[in-house]
Amino acid sequence: MIESISGIWNLLKHITIINVIDILIVSYIIYKIFMLIKETRAEMLVKGIALIIVIMIVSDRVGLVTLYWLIKSAIQIGVIALIIIFQPELRRALEHLGRSRFFTKSLMITEEEVDNATKQIVEAVCNLSSTKTGALIVIEQETGLNDYVQAGIKLDAVLTSQLLENIFVVNTPLHDGAVIIRNNRIAAAACFLPLTENYETNKKLGTRHRAALGMSENSDALVVVVSEETGNISLAINGKLTRNYNAERLKDILTRVMKQKLNKKTTIWKRVKMWGKQK
C-alpha cells in the first residue's frame, strides 16, 4: 500500500503545468467532438469504429494474426472513406471553429435595429400564420450566407412586415423559397436551402421545416417557419426545431439570441480597443 502511494507521489512530482494544460486541451477537444456528433449518424459510426479498434487490439494480444492484419489494413485504407462519410460533420466542425470569438464579424447592427427587426419579423409571421400562408425566413448571424443569397433573387430592401408578407403571397414570383435577412435588411428572396441530413427527423415534417433544419445544421442562422397546413410557427436553431410559437415567445427568443451575439461582439471589440490603448 505504502509502495503504491509512493509510486503515485513520484509520478505526480513529474507532472508540470504544461502537462496539465495539455491534458485539459485534449479533454476539451474530445468533449467538443462528442457534442458535435451527438445524436447524429456519426455517433453510430464512431461506436462501430471503437468496437473494431477493440477487436483489433484483442486479436493482437491473443495472437489472431490474420484477423489483426485484416482489420489493420482495412483501417489504413478506410481513412479516406471516413473523411468522405464524415464530410457533413467535418464541415460543421470547421464552421463551428470559424464562428469562434477569434473570427467574429464586425459589428453591423445596433440594439435598436435588433428590436426593430424582431418587431417587423414577428408581426409579419403572425399575420402569415393567421392566414395559413407558408413562409420561411432566415436571419443571418455570424456564418455568412452569401452562397444562398447569390442563388436567390437579390433585393437588399428595407425590412418591413408588409414587404415580408407580400413576398410570401401564394402564386407570386418570390413566394417559393426562403427570405434571407442580413443586417436589418432583406438581402434576398426565393432562396433554396439545404434539406436536413438527419434521418431521425420526424417523417411528418414538410419541405419547409426540413429546409429550416438543414440551414440551422449548416450555420448559426435563426430560421422561422410558418406551416402552410396548420399556420403553426416554428423556429430552428443549431439543428433543433421547436414548434407552436406565439408572438410574445417568438419575439423574446429572437431578441435574446440576437442581442446575445451582439453583446459578445461588442465586448470583444471593447477589449481590442483597450488593448490598443495599453500598447
C-alpha atoms as a PDB file:
ATOM      1  CA  MET A   1       0.000   0.000   0.000  1.00  0.00           C
ATOM      2  CA  ILE A   2       2.766   2.390   1.011  1.00  0.00           C
ATOM      3  CA  GLU A   3       4.727   1.481  -2.122  1.00  0.00           C
ATOM      4  CA  SER A   4       1.692   2.233  -4.301  1.00  0.00           C
ATOM      5  CA  ILE A   5       1.194   5.628  -2.666  1.00  0.00           C
ATOM      6  CA  SER A   6       4.913   6.350  -3.032  1.00  0.00           C
ATOM      7  CA  GLY A   7       4.771   5.435  -6.721  1.00  0.00           C
ATOM      8  CA  ILE A   8       1.774   7.715  -7.324  1.00  0.00           C
ATOM      9  CA  TRP A   9       3.521  10.550  -5.460  1.00  0.00           C
ATOM     10  CA  ASN A  10       6.664  10.159  -7.580  1.00  0.00           C
ATOM     11  CA  LEU A  11       4.516  10.244 -10.717  1.00  0.00           C
ATOM     12  CA  LEU A  12       2.726  13.388  -9.566  1.00  0.00           C
ATOM     13  CA  LYS A  13       6.043  15.113  -8.861  1.00  0.00           C
ATOM     14  CA  HIS A  14       6.971  14.831 -12.538  1.00  0.00           C
ATOM     15  CA  ILE A  15       3.703  16.409 -13.754  1.00  0.00           C
ATOM     16  CA  THR A  16       4.210  20.014 -14.819  1.00  0.00           C
ATOM     17  CA  ILE A  17       1.799  22.849 -15.593  1.00  0.00           C
ATOM     18  CA  ILE A  18       2.357  22.160 -19.302  1.00  0.00           C
ATOM     19  CA  ASN A  19       1.255  18.541 -18.812  1.00  0.00           C
ATOM     20  CA  VAL A  20      -1.936  19.690 -17.074  1.00  0.00           C
ATOM     21  CA  ILE A  21      -2.675  22.223 -19.815  1.00  0.00           C
ATOM     22  CA  ASP A  22      -2.013  19.549 -22.445  1.00  0.00           C
ATOM     23  CA  ILE A  23      -4.466  17.135 -20.791  1.00  0.00           C
ATOM     24  CA  LEU A  24      -7.123  19.845 -20.421  1.00  0.00           C
ATOM     25  CA  ILE A  25      -6.825  20.843 -24.092  1.00  0.00           C
ATOM     26  CA  VAL A  26      -7.139  17.237 -25.286  1.00  0.00           C
ATOM     27  CA  SER A  27     -10.107  16.663 -22.942  1.00  0.00           C
ATOM     28  CA  TYR A  28     -11.814  19.792 -24.267  1.00  0.00           C
ATOM     29  CA  ILE A  29     -11.257  18.726 -27.887  1.00  0.00           C
ATOM     30  CA  ILE A  30     -12.699  15.262 -27.196  1.00  0.00           C
ATOM     31  CA  TYR A  31     -15.695  16.842 -25.432  1.00  0.00           C
ATOM     32  CA  LYS A  32     -16.375  19.242 -28.341  1.00  0.00           C
ATOM     33  CA  ILE A  33     -16.099  16.403 -30.872  1.00  0.00           C
ATOM     34  CA  PHE A  34     -18.561  14.350 -28.840  1.00  0.00           C
ATOM     35  CA  MET A  35     -21.021  17.275 -28.665  1.00  0.00           C
ATOM     36  CA  LEU A  36     -20.751  17.827 -32.436  1.00  0.00           C
ATOM     37  CA  ILE A  37     -21.563  14.215 -33.314  1.00  0.00           C
ATOM     38  CA  LYS A  38     -24.116  13.677 -30.539  1.00  0.00           C
ATOM     39  CA  GLU A  39     -27.486  12.485 -31.859  1.00  0.00           C
ATOM     40  CA  THR A  40     -26.211  12.333 -35.463  1.00  0.00           C
ATOM     41  CA  ARG A  41     -25.462   9.385 -37.726  1.00  0.00           C
ATOM     42  CA  ALA A  42     -21.748   9.952 -36.980  1.00  0.00           C
ATOM     43  CA  GLU A  43     -22.329   8.827 -33.393  1.00  0.00           C
ATOM     44  CA  MET A  44     -23.203   5.303 -34.539  1.00  0.00           C
ATOM     45  CA  LEU A  45     -20.203   5.217 -36.869  1.00  0.00           C
ATOM     46  CA  VAL A  46     -17.854   6.257 -34.061  1.00  0.00           C
ATOM     47  CA  LYS A  47     -19.211   3.465 -31.857  1.00  0.00           C
ATOM     48  CA  GLY A  48     -18.656   0.991 -34.703  1.00  0.00           C
ATOM     49  CA  ILE A  49     -15.079   2.204 -35.227  1.00  0.00           C
ATOM     50  CA  ALA A  50     -14.371   1.958 -31.482  1.00  0.00           C
ATOM     51  CA  LEU A  51     -15.605  -1.653 -31.491  1.00  0.00           C
ATOM     52  CA  ILE A  52     -13.376  -2.509 -34.482  1.00  0.00           C
ATOM     53  CA  ILE A  53     -10.329  -0.989 -32.708  1.00  0.00           C
ATOM     54  CA  VAL A  54     -11.076  -3.038 -29.567  1.00  0.00           C
ATOM     55  CA  ILE A  55     -11.331  -6.224 -31.673  1.00  0.00           C
ATOM     56  CA  MET A  56      -8.009  -5.359 -33.371  1.00  0.00           C
ATOM     57  CA  ILE A  57      -6.244  -4.903 -30.011  1.00  0.00           C
ATOM     58  CA  VAL A  58      -7.682  -8.135 -28.610  1.00  0.00           C
ATOM     59  CA  SER A  59      -6.756 -10.085 -31.754  1.00  0.00           C
ATOM     60  CA  ASP A  60      -3.185  -8.781 -31.491  1.00  0.00           C
ATOM     61  CA  ARG A  61      -2.918  -9.794 -27.828  1.00  0.00           C
ATOM     62  CA  VAL A  62      -4.285 -13.342 -28.284  1.00  0.00           C
ATOM     63  CA  GLY A  63      -2.318 -13.989 -31.479  1.00  0.00           C
ATOM     64  CA  LEU A  64      -5.036 -13.921 -34.151  1.00  0.00           C
ATOM     65  CA  VAL A  65      -2.550 -12.770 -36.765  1.00  0.00           C
ATOM     66  CA  THR A  66      -4.800 -12.943 -39.829  1.00  0.00           C
ATOM     67  CA  LEU A  67      -7.691 -11.098 -38.191  1.00  0.00           C
ATOM     68  CA  TYR A  68      -5.313  -8.443 -36.832  1.00  0.00           C
ATOM     69  CA  TRP A  69      -3.712  -7.921 -40.255  1.00  0.00           C
ATOM     70  CA  LEU A  70      -7.112  -7.731 -41.970  1.00  0.00           C
ATOM     71  CA  ILE A  71      -8.528  -5.125 -39.569  1.00  0.00           C
ATOM     72  CA  LYS A  72      -5.310  -3.076 -39.570  1.00  0.00           C
ATOM     73  CA  SER A  73      -5.232  -2.998 -43.379  1.00  0.00           C
ATOM     74  CA  ALA A  74      -8.926  -2.060 -43.540  1.00  0.00           C
ATOM     75  CA  ILE A  75      -8.376   0.848 -41.106  1.00  0.00           C
ATOM     76  CA  GLN A  76      -5.439   2.183 -43.125  1.00  0.00           C
ATOM     77  CA  ILE A  77      -7.441   2.109 -46.347  1.00  0.00           C
ATOM     78  CA  GLY A  78     -10.609   3.329 -44.628  1.00  0.00           C
ATOM     79  CA  VAL A  79      -9.199   6.697 -43.529  1.00  0.00           C
ATOM     80  CA  ILE A  80     -10.099   8.275 -46.873  1.00  0.00           C
ATOM     81  CA  ALA A  81     -13.527   6.642 -46.777  1.00  0.00           C
ATOM     82  CA  LEU A  82     -14.123   8.061 -43.290  1.00  0.00           C
ATOM     83  CA  ILE A  83     -13.322  11.583 -44.490  1.00  0.00           C
ATOM     84  CA  ILE A  84     -15.979  11.184 -47.196  1.00  0.00           C
ATOM     85  CA  ILE A  85     -18.516   9.650 -44.804  1.00  0.00           C
ATOM     86  CA  PHE A  86     -17.957  12.293 -42.125  1.00  0.00           C
ATOM     87  CA  GLN A  87     -17.893  15.184 -44.617  1.00  0.00           C
ATOM     88  CA  PRO A  88     -21.036  16.926 -43.225  1.00  0.00           C
ATOM     89  CA  GLU A  89     -19.793  16.579 -39.632  1.00  0.00           C
ATOM     90  CA  LEU A  90     -16.278  17.771 -40.539  1.00  0.00           C
ATOM     91  CA  ARG A  91     -17.732  20.769 -42.363  1.00  0.00           C
ATOM     92  CA  ARG A  92     -19.925  21.571 -39.360  1.00  0.00           C
ATOM     93  CA  ALA A  93     -16.911  21.295 -37.026  1.00  0.00           C
ATOM     94  CA  LEU A  94     -14.826  23.661 -39.159  1.00  0.00           C
ATOM     95  CA  GLU A  95     -17.726  26.125 -39.389  1.00  0.00           C
ATOM     96  CA  HIS A  96     -18.143  25.923 -35.609  1.00  0.00           C
ATOM     97  CA  LEU A  97     -14.434  26.703 -35.222  1.00  0.00           C
ATOM     98  CA  GLY A  98     -14.768  29.595 -37.662  1.00  0.00           C
ATOM     99  CA  ARG A  99     -17.576  31.052 -35.537  1.00  0.00           C
ATOM    100  CA  SER A 100     -15.314  31.259 -32.506  1.00  0.00           C
ATOM    101  CA  ARG A 101     -14.579  34.605 -30.876  1.00  0.00           C
ATOM    102  CA  PHE A 102     -11.363  34.956 -32.859  1.00  0.00           C
ATOM    103  CA  PHE A 103     -13.239  35.160 -36.165  1.00  0.00           C
ATOM    104  CA  THR A 104     -16.456  37.049 -35.386  1.00  0.00           C
ATOM    105  CA  LYS A 105     -17.587  39.557 -37.991  1.00  0.00           C
ATOM    106  CA  SER A 106     -17.523  43.292 -37.393  1.00  0.00           C
ATOM    107  CA  LEU A 107     -20.476  44.893 -35.640  1.00  0.00           C
ATOM    108  CA  MET A 108     -23.078  45.841 -38.250  1.00  0.00           C
ATOM    109  CA  ILE A 109     -26.293  46.315 -36.268  1.00  0.00           C
ATOM    110  CA  THR A 110     -27.311  48.131 -33.079  1.00  0.00           C
ATOM    111  CA  GLU A 111     -29.659  47.032 -30.288  1.00  0.00           C
ATOM    112  CA  GLU A 112     -32.328  49.436 -31.587  1.00  0.00           C
ATOM    113  CA  GLU A 113     -32.110  47.826 -35.011  1.00  0.00           C
ATOM    114  CA  VAL A 114     -32.397  44.373 -33.427  1.00  0.00           C
ATOM    115  CA  ASP A 115     -35.601  45.476 -31.685  1.00  0.00           C
ATOM    116  CA  ASN A 116     -36.984  46.860 -34.944  1.00  0.00           C
ATOM    117  CA  ALA A 117     -36.025  43.738 -36.911  1.00  0.00           C
ATOM    118  CA  THR A 118     -37.675  41.368 -34.430  1.00  0.00           C
ATOM    119  CA  LYS A 119     -40.787  43.555 -34.329  1.00  0.00           C
ATOM    120  CA  GLN A 120     -41.159  43.511 -38.128  1.00  0.00           C
ATOM    121  CA  ILE A 121     -40.447  39.781 -38.409  1.00  0.00           C
ATOM    122  CA  VAL A 122     -42.836  38.760 -35.620  1.00  0.00           C
ATOM    123  CA  GLU A 123     -45.623  40.978 -36.962  1.00  0.00           C
ATOM    124  CA  ALA A 124     -45.272  39.514 -40.468  1.00  0.00           C
ATOM    125  CA  VAL A 125     -45.022  35.941 -39.200  1.00  0.00           C
ATOM    126  CA  CYS A 126     -48.143  36.261 -37.046  1.00  0.00           C
ATOM    127  CA  ASN A 127     -50.138  37.757 -39.922  1.00  0.00           C
ATOM    128  CA  LEU A 128     -48.965  34.971 -42.240  1.00  0.00           C
ATOM    129  CA  SER A 129     -49.852  32.406 -39.580  1.00  0.00           C
ATOM    130  CA  SER A 130     -53.396  33.772 -39.242  1.00  0.00           C
ATOM    131  CA  THR A 131     -53.994  33.245 -42.974  1.00  0.00           C
ATOM    132  CA  LYS A 132     -52.097  29.914 -43.098  1.00  0.00           C
ATOM    133  CA  THR A 133     -49.642  31.306 -45.626  1.00  0.00           C
ATOM    134  CA  GLY A 134     -46.430  29.251 -45.704  1.00  0.00           C
ATOM    135  CA  ALA A 135     -43.209  31.162 -45.029  1.00  0.00           C
ATOM    136  CA  LEU A 136     -39.523  30.515 -44.462  1.00  0.00           C
ATOM    137  CA  ILE A 137     -37.412  33.345 -43.005  1.00  0.00           C
ATOM    138  CA  VAL A 138     -33.663  33.036 -42.352  1.00  0.00           C
ATOM    139  CA  ILE A 139     -31.918  35.546 -40.073  1.00  0.00           C
ATOM    140  CA  GLU A 140     -28.184  35.574 -40.756  1.00  0.00           C
ATOM    141  CA  GLN A 141     -25.882  35.603 -37.726  1.00  0.00           C
ATOM    142  CA  GLU A 142     -22.108  35.077 -37.792  1.00  0.00           C
ATOM    143  CA  THR A 143     -21.993  32.440 -40.532  1.00  0.00           C
ATOM    144  CA  GLY A 144     -22.120  34.151 -43.924  1.00  0.00           C
ATOM    145  CA  LEU A 145     -24.968  33.002 -46.181  1.00  0.00           C
ATOM    146  CA  ASN A 146     -23.802  34.691 -49.361  1.00  0.00           C
ATOM    147  CA  ASP A 147     -23.932  31.429 -51.360  1.00  0.00           C
ATOM    148  CA  TYR A 148     -27.671  31.205 -50.744  1.00  0.00           C
ATOM    149  CA  VAL A 149     -28.178  34.944 -51.341  1.00  0.00           C
ATOM    150  CA  GLN A 150     -26.424  34.700 -54.700  1.00  0.00           C
ATOM    151  CA  ALA A 151     -28.603  31.744 -55.724  1.00  0.00           C
ATOM    152  CA  GLY A 152     -31.826  33.616 -54.877  1.00  0.00           C
ATOM    153  CA  ILE A 153     -33.285  36.919 -56.067  1.00  0.00           C
ATOM    154  CA  LYS A 154     -31.318  39.814 -54.565  1.00  0.00           C
ATOM    155  CA  LEU A 155     -33.418  42.560 -53.024  1.00  0.00           C
ATOM    156  CA  ASP A 156     -31.317  44.490 -50.461  1.00  0.00           C
ATOM    157  CA  ALA A 157     -34.556  46.080 -49.268  1.00  0.00           C
ATOM    158  CA  VAL A 158     -35.589  47.736 -46.007  1.00  0.00           C
ATOM    159  CA  LEU A 159     -37.033  45.169 -43.620  1.00  0.00           C
ATOM    160  CA  THR A 160     -40.753  45.751 -43.111  1.00  0.00           C
ATOM    161  CA  SER A 161     -43.555  43.400 -42.125  1.00  0.00           C
ATOM    162  CA  GLN A 162     -45.602  44.477 -45.168  1.00  0.00           C
ATOM    163  CA  LEU A 163     -42.829  43.525 -47.598  1.00  0.00           C
ATOM    164  CA  LEU A 164     -42.274  40.161 -45.891  1.00  0.00           C
ATOM    165  CA  GLU A 165     -45.972  39.353 -46.074  1.00  0.00           C
ATOM    166  CA  ASN A 166     -46.157  40.374 -49.724  1.00  0.00           C
ATOM    167  CA  ILE A 167     -43.196  38.159 -50.671  1.00  0.00           C
ATOM    168  CA  PHE A 168     -44.941  35.024 -49.403  1.00  0.00           C
ATOM    169  CA  VAL A 169     -48.301  35.629 -51.060  1.00  0.00           C
ATOM    170  CA  VAL A 170     -49.174  32.416 -52.911  1.00  0.00           C
ATOM    171  CA  ASN A 171     -48.558  32.284 -56.688  1.00  0.00           C
ATOM    172  CA  THR A 172     -46.288  35.356 -56.684  1.00  0.00           C
ATOM    173  CA  PRO A 173     -42.805  35.011 -58.256  1.00  0.00           C
ATOM    174  CA  LEU A 174     -40.880  35.170 -54.950  1.00  0.00           C
ATOM    175  CA  HIS A 175     -43.069  33.121 -52.607  1.00  0.00           C
ATOM    176  CA  ASP A 176     -41.401  29.768 -53.302  1.00  0.00           C
ATOM    177  CA  GLY A 177     -38.227  29.585 -51.237  1.00  0.00           C
ATOM    178  CA  ALA A 178     -36.732  31.419 -48.273  1.00  0.00           C
ATOM    179  CA  VAL A 179     -36.135  35.044 -47.420  1.00  0.00           C
ATOM    180  CA  ILE A 180     -32.682  35.847 -46.010  1.00  0.00           C
ATOM    181  CA  ILE A 181     -32.367  38.801 -43.636  1.00  0.00           C
ATOM    182  CA  ARG A 182     -28.951  40.353 -43.150  1.00  0.00           C
ATOM    183  CA  ASN A 183     -28.106  43.386 -41.002  1.00  0.00           C
ATOM    184  CA  ASN A 184     -31.723  44.535 -40.647  1.00  0.00           C
ATOM    185  CA  ARG A 185     -32.349  44.323 -44.415  1.00  0.00           C
ATOM    186  CA  ILE A 186     -33.974  41.755 -46.683  1.00  0.00           C
ATOM    187  CA  ALA A 187     -30.939  40.535 -48.632  1.00  0.00           C
ATOM    188  CA  ALA A 188     -32.711  38.106 -50.969  1.00  0.00           C
ATOM    189  CA  ALA A 189     -35.879  36.095 -51.576  1.00  0.00           C
ATOM    190  CA  ALA A 190     -36.704  32.825 -53.359  1.00  0.00           C
ATOM    191  CA  CYS A 191     -33.566  31.254 -51.860  1.00  0.00           C
ATOM    192  CA  PHE A 192     -33.336  27.467 -51.774  1.00  0.00           C
ATOM    193  CA  LEU A 193     -31.874  25.936 -48.627  1.00  0.00           C
ATOM    194  CA  PRO A 194     -30.225  22.550 -47.959  1.00  0.00           C
ATOM    195  CA  LEU A 195     -32.540  19.917 -46.512  1.00  0.00           C
ATOM    196  CA  THR A 196     -31.635  18.246 -43.223  1.00  0.00           C
ATOM    197  CA  GLU A 197     -29.445  15.143 -43.403  1.00  0.00           C
ATOM    198  CA  ASN A 198     -30.730  13.861 -40.062  1.00  0.00           C
ATOM    199  CA  TYR A 199     -32.618  10.656 -40.850  1.00  0.00           C
ATOM    200  CA  GLU A 200     -34.190  10.620 -37.388  1.00  0.00           C
ATOM    201  CA  THR A 201     -36.219  13.723 -38.254  1.00  0.00           C
ATOM    202  CA  ASN A 202     -39.982  13.413 -37.907  1.00  0.00           C
ATOM    203  CA  LYS A 203     -41.259  11.986 -41.195  1.00  0.00           C
ATOM    204  CA  LYS A 204     -44.341  14.211 -40.951  1.00  0.00           C
ATOM    205  CA  LEU A 205     -42.288  17.389 -41.411  1.00  0.00           C
ATOM    206  CA  GLY A 206     -42.737  19.149 -44.748  1.00  0.00           C
ATOM    207  CA  THR A 207     -40.086  20.564 -47.061  1.00  0.00           C
ATOM    208  CA  ARG A 208     -40.059  23.987 -45.378  1.00  0.00           C
ATOM    209  CA  HIS A 209     -39.353  22.507 -41.952  1.00  0.00           C
ATOM    210  CA  ARG A 210     -36.682  20.170 -43.349  1.00  0.00           C
ATOM    211  CA  ALA A 211     -35.046  23.132 -45.093  1.00  0.00           C
ATOM    212  CA  ALA A 212     -35.153  25.132 -41.847  1.00  0.00           C
ATOM    213  CA  LEU A 213     -33.439  22.276 -40.003  1.00  0.00           C
ATOM    214  CA  GLY A 214     -30.886  21.886 -42.797  1.00  0.00           C
ATOM    215  CA  MET A 215     -29.957  25.567 -42.689  1.00  0.00           C
ATOM    216  CA  SER A 216     -29.682  25.556 -38.888  1.00  0.00           C
ATOM    217  CA  GLU A 217     -27.435  22.468 -39.080  1.00  0.00           C
ATOM    218  CA  ASN A 218     -25.111  24.154 -41.573  1.00  0.00           C
ATOM    219  CA  SER A 219     -24.973  27.612 -39.939  1.00  0.00           C
ATOM    220  CA  ASP A 220     -25.828  29.558 -36.796  1.00  0.00           C
ATOM    221  CA  ALA A 221     -28.760  31.266 -38.544  1.00  0.00           C
ATOM    222  CA  LEU A 222     -32.171  31.604 -36.906  1.00  0.00           C
ATOM    223  CA  VAL A 223     -34.843  30.127 -39.161  1.00  0.00           C
ATOM    224  CA  VAL A 224     -38.540  30.912 -38.689  1.00  0.00           C
ATOM    225  CA  VAL A 225     -41.130  28.692 -40.387  1.00  0.00           C
ATOM    226  CA  VAL A 226     -44.869  29.170 -40.872  1.00  0.00           C
ATOM    227  CA  SER A 227     -46.746  25.988 -41.728  1.00  0.00           C
ATOM    228  CA  GLU A 228     -48.967  26.214 -44.791  1.00  0.00           C
ATOM    229  CA  GLU A 229     -51.244  23.459 -43.476  1.00  0.00           C
ATOM    230  CA  THR A 230     -51.762  24.482 -39.842  1.00  0.00           C
ATOM    231  CA  GLY A 231     -50.412  28.036 -39.608  1.00  0.00           C
ATOM    232  CA  ASN A 232     -48.174  26.936 -36.707  1.00  0.00           C
ATOM    233  CA  ILE A 233     -44.978  28.928 -36.152  1.00  0.00           C
ATOM    234  CA  SER A 234     -41.697  27.033 -35.645  1.00  0.00           C
ATOM    235  CA  LEU A 235     -38.106  28.076 -35.021  1.00  0.00           C
ATOM    236  CA  ALA A 236     -34.929  26.176 -35.949  1.00  0.00           C
ATOM    237  CA  ILE A 237     -31.677  26.891 -34.105  1.00  0.00           C
ATOM    238  CA  ASN A 238     -28.483  24.800 -34.116  1.00  0.00           C
ATOM    239  CA  GLY A 239     -30.166  21.796 -35.716  1.00  0.00           C
ATOM    240  CA  LYS A 240     -33.123  21.782 -33.293  1.00  0.00           C
ATOM    241  CA  LEU A 241     -36.691  22.601 -34.295  1.00  0.00           C
ATOM    242  CA  THR A 242     -39.205  23.854 -31.717  1.00  0.00           C
ATOM    243  CA  ARG A 243     -42.839  24.441 -32.620  1.00  0.00           C
ATOM    244  CA  ASN A 244     -46.056  26.243 -31.650  1.00  0.00           C
ATOM    245  CA  TYR A 245     -44.677  29.728 -31.004  1.00  0.00           C
ATOM    246  CA  ASN A 246     -46.883  32.726 -30.278  1.00  0.00           C
ATOM    247  CA  ALA A 247     -45.907  36.353 -30.918  1.00  0.00           C
ATOM    248  CA  GLU A 248     -44.550  37.044 -27.438  1.00  0.00           C
ATOM    249  CA  ARG A 249     -42.485  33.872 -27.191  1.00  0.00           C
ATOM    250  CA  LEU A 250     -41.043  34.245 -30.693  1.00  0.00           C
ATOM    251  CA  LYS A 251     -40.078  37.889 -30.174  1.00  0.00           C
ATOM    252  CA  ASP A 252     -38.480  37.081 -26.817  1.00  0.00           C
ATOM    253  CA  ILE A 253     -36.224  34.303 -28.096  1.00  0.00           C
ATOM    254  CA  LEU A 254     -35.239  36.115 -31.310  1.00  0.00           C
ATOM    255  CA  THR A 255     -34.323  39.241 -29.340  1.00  0.00           C
ATOM    256  CA  ARG A 256     -32.371  37.318 -26.709  1.00  0.00           C
ATOM    257  CA  VAL A 257     -30.328  35.285 -29.204  1.00  0.00           C
ATOM    258  CA  MET A 258     -29.566  38.239 -31.493  1.00  0.00           C
ATOM    259  CA  LYS A 259     -28.629  40.570 -28.620  1.00  0.00           C
ATOM    260  CA  GLN A 260     -26.517  37.872 -27.003  1.00  0.00           C
ATOM    261  CA  LYS A 261     -24.372  37.632 -30.115  1.00  0.00           C
ATOM    262  CA  LEU A 262     -24.394  41.416 -30.419  1.00  0.00           C
ATOM    263  CA  ASN A 263     -23.148  41.876 -26.846  1.00  0.00           C
ATOM    264  CA  LYS A 264     -20.473  39.242 -27.363  1.00  0.00           C
ATOM    265  CA  LYS A 265     -19.135  41.117 -30.401  1.00  0.00           C
ATOM    266  CA  THR A 266     -19.279  44.451 -28.567  1.00  0.00           C
ATOM    267  CA  THR A 267     -17.335  43.067 -25.590  1.00  0.00           C
ATOM    268  CA  ILE A 268     -14.627  41.663 -27.853  1.00  0.00           C
ATOM    269  CA  TRP A 269     -14.344  44.977 -29.714  1.00  0.00           C
ATOM    270  CA  LYS A 270     -14.014  46.882 -26.412  1.00  0.00           C
ATOM    271  CA  ARG A 271     -11.258  44.534 -25.276  1.00  0.00           C
ATOM    272  CA  VAL A 272      -9.383  45.046 -28.544  1.00  0.00           C
ATOM    273  CA  LYS A 273      -9.622  48.843 -28.193  1.00  0.00           C
ATOM    274  CA  MET A 274      -8.456  48.701 -24.567  1.00  0.00           C
ATOM    275  CA  TRP A 275      -5.524  46.511 -25.557  1.00  0.00           C
ATOM    276  CA  GLY A 276      -4.631  49.015 -28.295  1.00  0.00           C
ATOM    277  CA  LYS A 277      -4.644  51.897 -25.829  1.00  0.00           C
ATOM    278  CA  GLN A 278      -2.422  49.990 -23.419  1.00  0.00           C
ATOM    279  CA  LYS A 279       0.066  49.368 -26.215  1.00  0.00           C
END
